[in-house]
Amino acid sequence: MNAENVMKEIVALPSDWHGAGSLKAGVLKAIASHAEGLDLQLSAETGSGKSSLLFSHLSKRHLVFAMDDGNGSVRRVQESPLLKPGVVEFIEGPTQKTVPAYSFGPPLQMIMLDGPHGFPFPVLEYYSFYPHLASGGVLIVDDIDIPSIYDMYQFLKKDAMFDLLEVVHTTAFFRRTDAPVFDPLADGWWLQGYNRRKKIVDWNPLSVATALVPRSIRKKLLEKMRK
């Protein structure tokens, strides 16, 4: 079955085919479009559904971190005739446990975050995945209309490691830049674009100065005051 026919059949599946909801046709087409030219050797996603079927035809090897959670969603994907055999590895269980425990090998060229949506679970998934995304790879974040995920979307928009490619419906697509991997075992919050300027939460003069004056300038001023 060629890629065009596969896409048509996946898109034609009913909206209630998956118990936890399904991606819109535009999002599925965007995934396929961004996969072009990536030489997709290894990809991964949290959650399972129509995207899993699609990835089985786009990628040489695809990892699915998901659990049925009583709705049979994983089994439905596994039993679908549209799932290409021998491509997808299902790592079943709560992603809060399975993703951090997984031993990743070669870099991933595409990652989709669509697992549990309650805070801080999407952030935990991101933390476990981001060091393994290859430069030039694509990070997909679904459901950015949910406030906690929207906050992560805003963070990624300002991060040196990512360029926003597009937003399709409520799904954001980011390209991994050549910026160094942010050390997952350090701090360095002041190096992140989202944290470049502190929020003013207490309107006293010191708090305003701390929030508005860049850290480098504050450091120089303190050094002068100590002399």
Protein backbone atom coordinates (compact mmCIF):
# COMPACT_ATOMS: atom_id res chain seq x y z
CA MET A 1 0.00 0.00 0.00
CA ASN A 2 1.54 3.35 -1.01
CA ALA A 3 1.81 6.34 1.32
CA GLU A 4 -1.02 8.26 -0.31
CA ASN A 5 -3.49 5.40 0.08
CA VAL A 6 -2.38 4.78 3.66
CA MET A 7 -3.01 8.43 4.53
CA LYS A 8 -6.47 8.33 2.93
CA GLU A 9 -7.43 5.22 4.90
CA ILE A 10 -6.14 6.58 8.21
CA VAL A 11 -7.90 9.91 7.71
CA ALA A 12 -11.10 8.04 6.78
CA LEU A 13 -11.21 6.28 10.16
CA PRO A 14 -14.12 7.63 12.27
CA SER A 15 -13.40 10.37 14.80
CA ASP A 16 -14.39 8.03 17.64
CA TRP A 17 -12.10 5.24 16.38
CA HIS A 18 -9.77 5.97 19.28
CA GLY A 19 -11.15 6.10 22.80
CA ALA A 20 -9.04 9.09 23.86
CA GLY A 21 -9.76 11.18 20.77
CA SER A 22 -8.17 11.37 17.34
CA LEU A 23 -5.88 13.75 15.51
CA LYS A 24 -7.44 15.86 12.78
CA ALA A 25 -6.59 15.18 9.15
CA GLY A 26 -4.56 18.40 8.90
CA VAL A 27 -2.30 17.31 11.77
CA LEU A 28 -1.73 13.87 10.28
CA LYS A 29 -0.84 15.43 6.92
CA ALA A 30 1.53 17.86 8.67
CA ILE A 31 3.29 14.95 10.40
CA ALA A 32 3.81 13.25 7.03
CA SER A 33 4.98 16.51 5.45
CA HIS A 34 7.58 17.24 8.16
CA ALA A 35 8.80 13.63 8.02
CA GLU A 36 9.78 14.09 4.38
CA GLY A 37 13.52 14.48 3.99
CA LEU A 38 14.29 13.40 7.57
CA ASP A 39 15.36 9.86 6.68
CA LEU A 40 13.24 8.77 9.61
CA GLN A 41 15.19 5.92 11.17
CA LEU A 42 13.78 6.21 14.69
CA SER A 43 10.76 8.08 16.03
CA ALA A 44 8.73 8.01 19.22
CA GLU A 45 5.45 9.19 20.66
CA THR A 46 3.54 9.19 23.91
CA GLY A 47 -0.06 8.15 23.49
CA SER A 48 -1.32 5.93 20.73
CA GLY A 49 -3.80 6.30 17.90
CA LYS A 50 -3.97 7.28 14.24
CA SER A 51 -0.51 8.81 14.55
CA SER A 52 0.89 5.39 15.49
CA LEU A 53 -0.53 3.91 12.31
CA LEU A 54 0.96 6.73 10.28
CA PHE A 55 4.38 6.53 11.91
CA SER A 56 4.53 2.82 11.14
CA HIS A 57 4.68 3.81 7.45
CA LEU A 58 6.91 6.88 7.83
CA SER A 59 9.62 5.51 10.12
CA LYS A 60 12.00 2.56 9.98
CA ARG A 61 11.39 2.04 13.72
CA HIS A 62 8.83 3.69 15.96
CA LEU A 63 8.41 3.64 19.76
CA VAL A 64 4.96 4.03 21.31
CA PHE A 65 4.75 4.78 25.02
CA ALA A 66 1.10 4.33 25.99
CA MET A 67 -1.44 2.44 28.04
CA ASP A 68 -5.03 1.40 27.35
CA ASP A 69 -6.37 3.12 30.45
CA GLY A 70 -9.60 1.16 30.09
CA ASN A 71 -10.46 2.36 26.58
CA GLY A 72 -8.67 -0.30 24.52
CA SER A 73 -6.82 2.31 22.47
CA VAL A 74 -3.51 0.46 22.30
CA ARG A 75 -5.14 -2.82 21.33
CA ARG A 76 -7.14 -1.08 18.62
CA VAL A 77 -3.93 0.21 17.07
CA GLN A 78 -2.16 -3.14 17.43
CA GLU A 79 -5.02 -4.96 15.74
CA SER A 80 -5.50 -2.49 12.90
CA PRO A 81 -4.69 -3.76 9.38
CA LEU A 82 -3.24 -0.29 8.73
CA LEU A 83 -0.39 -0.88 11.20
CA LYS A 84 2.72 -1.86 9.24
CA PRO A 85 4.15 -5.05 10.79
CA GLY A 86 7.58 -5.14 12.38
CA VAL A 87 8.03 -1.38 12.81
CA VAL A 88 6.35 -0.34 16.07
CA GLU A 89 7.51 -1.25 19.55
CA PHE A 90 4.84 -0.73 22.22
CA ILE A 91 6.16 0.17 25.68
CA GLU A 92 3.01 -0.14 27.75
CA GLY A 93 2.35 1.48 31.09
CA PRO A 94 2.19 4.98 32.57
CA THR A 95 4.56 7.23 30.64
CA GLN A 96 5.50 8.83 33.96
CA LYS A 97 7.40 5.57 34.57
CA THR A 98 8.11 4.03 31.16
CA VAL A 99 9.69 7.03 29.40
CA PRO A 100 12.24 7.94 32.12
CA ALA A 101 13.15 4.25 32.52
CA TYR A 102 13.69 3.58 28.81
CA SER A 103 17.28 3.22 27.57
CA PHE A 104 17.42 5.27 24.39
CA GLY A 105 20.10 4.41 21.86
CA PRO A 106 20.45 6.21 18.50
CA PRO A 107 19.06 9.74 18.25
CA LEU A 108 15.39 10.22 17.45
CA GLN A 109 14.43 12.17 14.35
CA MET A 110 10.83 12.83 15.39
CA ILE A 111 9.07 12.91 18.77
CA MET A 112 5.40 13.48 19.48
CA LEU A 113 4.18 14.34 22.97
CA ASP A 114 0.54 13.35 23.41
CA GLY A 115 0.44 11.31 26.59
CA PRO A 116 -1.16 12.28 29.92
CA HIS A 117 -1.96 15.98 29.92
CA GLY A 118 -2.09 16.81 33.63
CA PHE A 119 0.75 18.95 34.97
CA PRO A 120 3.65 18.10 35.31
CA PHE A 121 3.42 14.96 33.14
CA PRO A 122 3.98 16.55 29.69
CA VAL A 123 7.01 18.38 31.13
CA LEU A 124 8.33 15.11 32.55
CA GLU A 125 8.00 13.52 29.09
CA TYR A 126 9.81 16.46 27.52
CA TYR A 127 12.62 16.21 30.07
CA SER A 128 13.12 12.51 29.31
CA PHE A 129 13.05 12.97 25.53
CA TYR A 130 14.74 16.24 24.63
CA PRO A 131 18.39 15.11 25.02
CA HIS A 132 17.72 12.35 22.48
CA LEU A 133 16.28 14.46 19.65
CA ALA A 134 18.73 14.82 16.76
CA SER A 135 19.63 18.23 15.35
CA GLY A 136 17.20 18.91 12.53
CA GLY A 137 14.67 16.56 14.09
CA VAL A 138 11.07 17.51 14.79
CA LEU A 139 9.31 17.81 18.15
CA ILE A 140 5.51 17.71 18.01
CA VAL A 141 3.47 18.94 20.97
CA ASP A 142 -0.25 18.19 20.85
CA ASP A 143 -3.11 19.91 22.70
CA ILE A 144 -1.43 23.26 23.27
CA ASP A 145 -4.87 24.69 24.01
CA ILE A 146 -4.60 23.12 27.48
CA PRO A 147 -3.09 25.88 29.70
CA SER A 148 -0.26 23.83 31.23
CA ILE A 149 0.79 22.54 27.79
CA TYR A 150 0.43 26.03 26.35
CA ASP A 151 2.96 27.21 28.94
CA MET A 152 5.42 24.58 27.68
CA TYR A 153 4.69 25.69 24.10
CA GLN A 154 5.55 29.27 25.08
CA PHE A 155 8.76 28.06 26.70
CA LEU A 156 9.81 26.11 23.59
CA LYS A 157 9.11 29.10 21.32
CA LYS A 158 11.81 31.06 23.17
CA ASP A 159 14.30 28.23 23.61
CA ALA A 160 17.51 28.23 21.58
CA MET A 161 17.16 24.52 20.90
CA PHE A 162 13.93 24.93 18.90
CA ASP A 163 12.45 26.86 16.01
CA LEU A 164 8.67 26.90 15.66
CA LEU A 165 7.73 25.52 12.26
CA GLU A 166 3.95 25.80 12.43
CA VAL A 167 0.83 25.23 14.50
CA VAL A 168 -1.89 23.06 12.97
CA HIS A 169 -5.17 23.22 14.90
CA THR A 170 -3.85 22.68 18.45
CA THR A 171 -0.64 20.87 17.52
CA ALA A 172 2.75 22.63 17.42
CA PHE A 173 5.68 21.54 15.29
CA PHE A 174 9.24 22.52 16.28
CA ARG A 175 12.56 21.94 14.52
CA ARG A 176 15.57 21.07 16.70
CA THR A 177 18.34 23.57 16.05
CA ASP A 178 22.10 23.07 16.29
CA ALA A 179 22.19 24.73 19.71
CA PRO A 180 23.92 22.63 22.40
CA VAL A 181 21.73 20.33 24.46
CA PHE A 182 20.66 22.06 27.65
CA ASP A 183 22.35 20.12 30.46
CA PRO A 184 19.59 17.94 31.98
CA LEU A 185 21.59 17.52 35.20
CA ALA A 186 22.54 21.16 35.85
CA ASP A 187 20.57 24.36 36.44
CA GLY A 188 21.34 27.27 34.11
CA TRP A 189 17.84 28.72 34.19
CA TRP A 190 19.29 32.14 33.29
CA LEU A 191 20.52 30.72 29.96
CA GLN A 192 17.01 29.91 28.79
CA GLY A 193 15.17 32.42 26.63
CA TYR A 194 11.93 32.01 28.55
CA ASN A 195 13.71 33.04 31.75
CA ARG A 196 15.64 35.96 30.26
CA ARG A 197 13.58 38.43 32.24
CA LYS A 198 12.08 37.65 35.62
CA LYS A 199 8.41 38.26 36.29
CA ILE A 200 7.56 41.05 38.70
CA VAL A 201 5.54 39.50 41.49
CA ASP A 202 6.24 42.03 44.24
CA TRP A 203 6.05 45.70 43.30
CA ASN A 204 8.79 47.04 45.55
CA PRO A 205 11.81 48.88 44.03
CA LEU A 206 14.23 45.99 44.59
CA SER A 207 11.90 43.45 42.97
CA VAL A 208 11.33 45.72 39.95
CA ALA A 209 15.06 46.29 39.53
CA THR A 210 15.77 42.57 39.83
CA ALA A 211 13.16 41.74 37.21
CA LEU A 212 14.05 44.47 34.70
CA VAL A 213 17.84 44.68 34.93
CA PRO A 214 19.62 41.84 33.07
CA ARG A 215 21.53 39.41 35.26
CA SER A 216 24.90 40.30 33.69
CA ILE A 217 24.45 43.99 34.53
CA ARG A 218 23.27 43.24 38.07
CA LYS A 219 26.39 41.12 38.56
CA LYS A 220 28.68 43.96 37.45
CA LEU A 221 26.88 46.44 39.70
CA LEU A 222 27.27 44.12 42.69
CA GLU A 223 30.97 43.69 41.95
CA LYS A 224 31.44 47.47 41.87
CA MET A 225 29.54 47.87 45.14
CA ARG A 226 31.82 45.34 46.84
CA LYS A 227 35.00 47.20 45.86
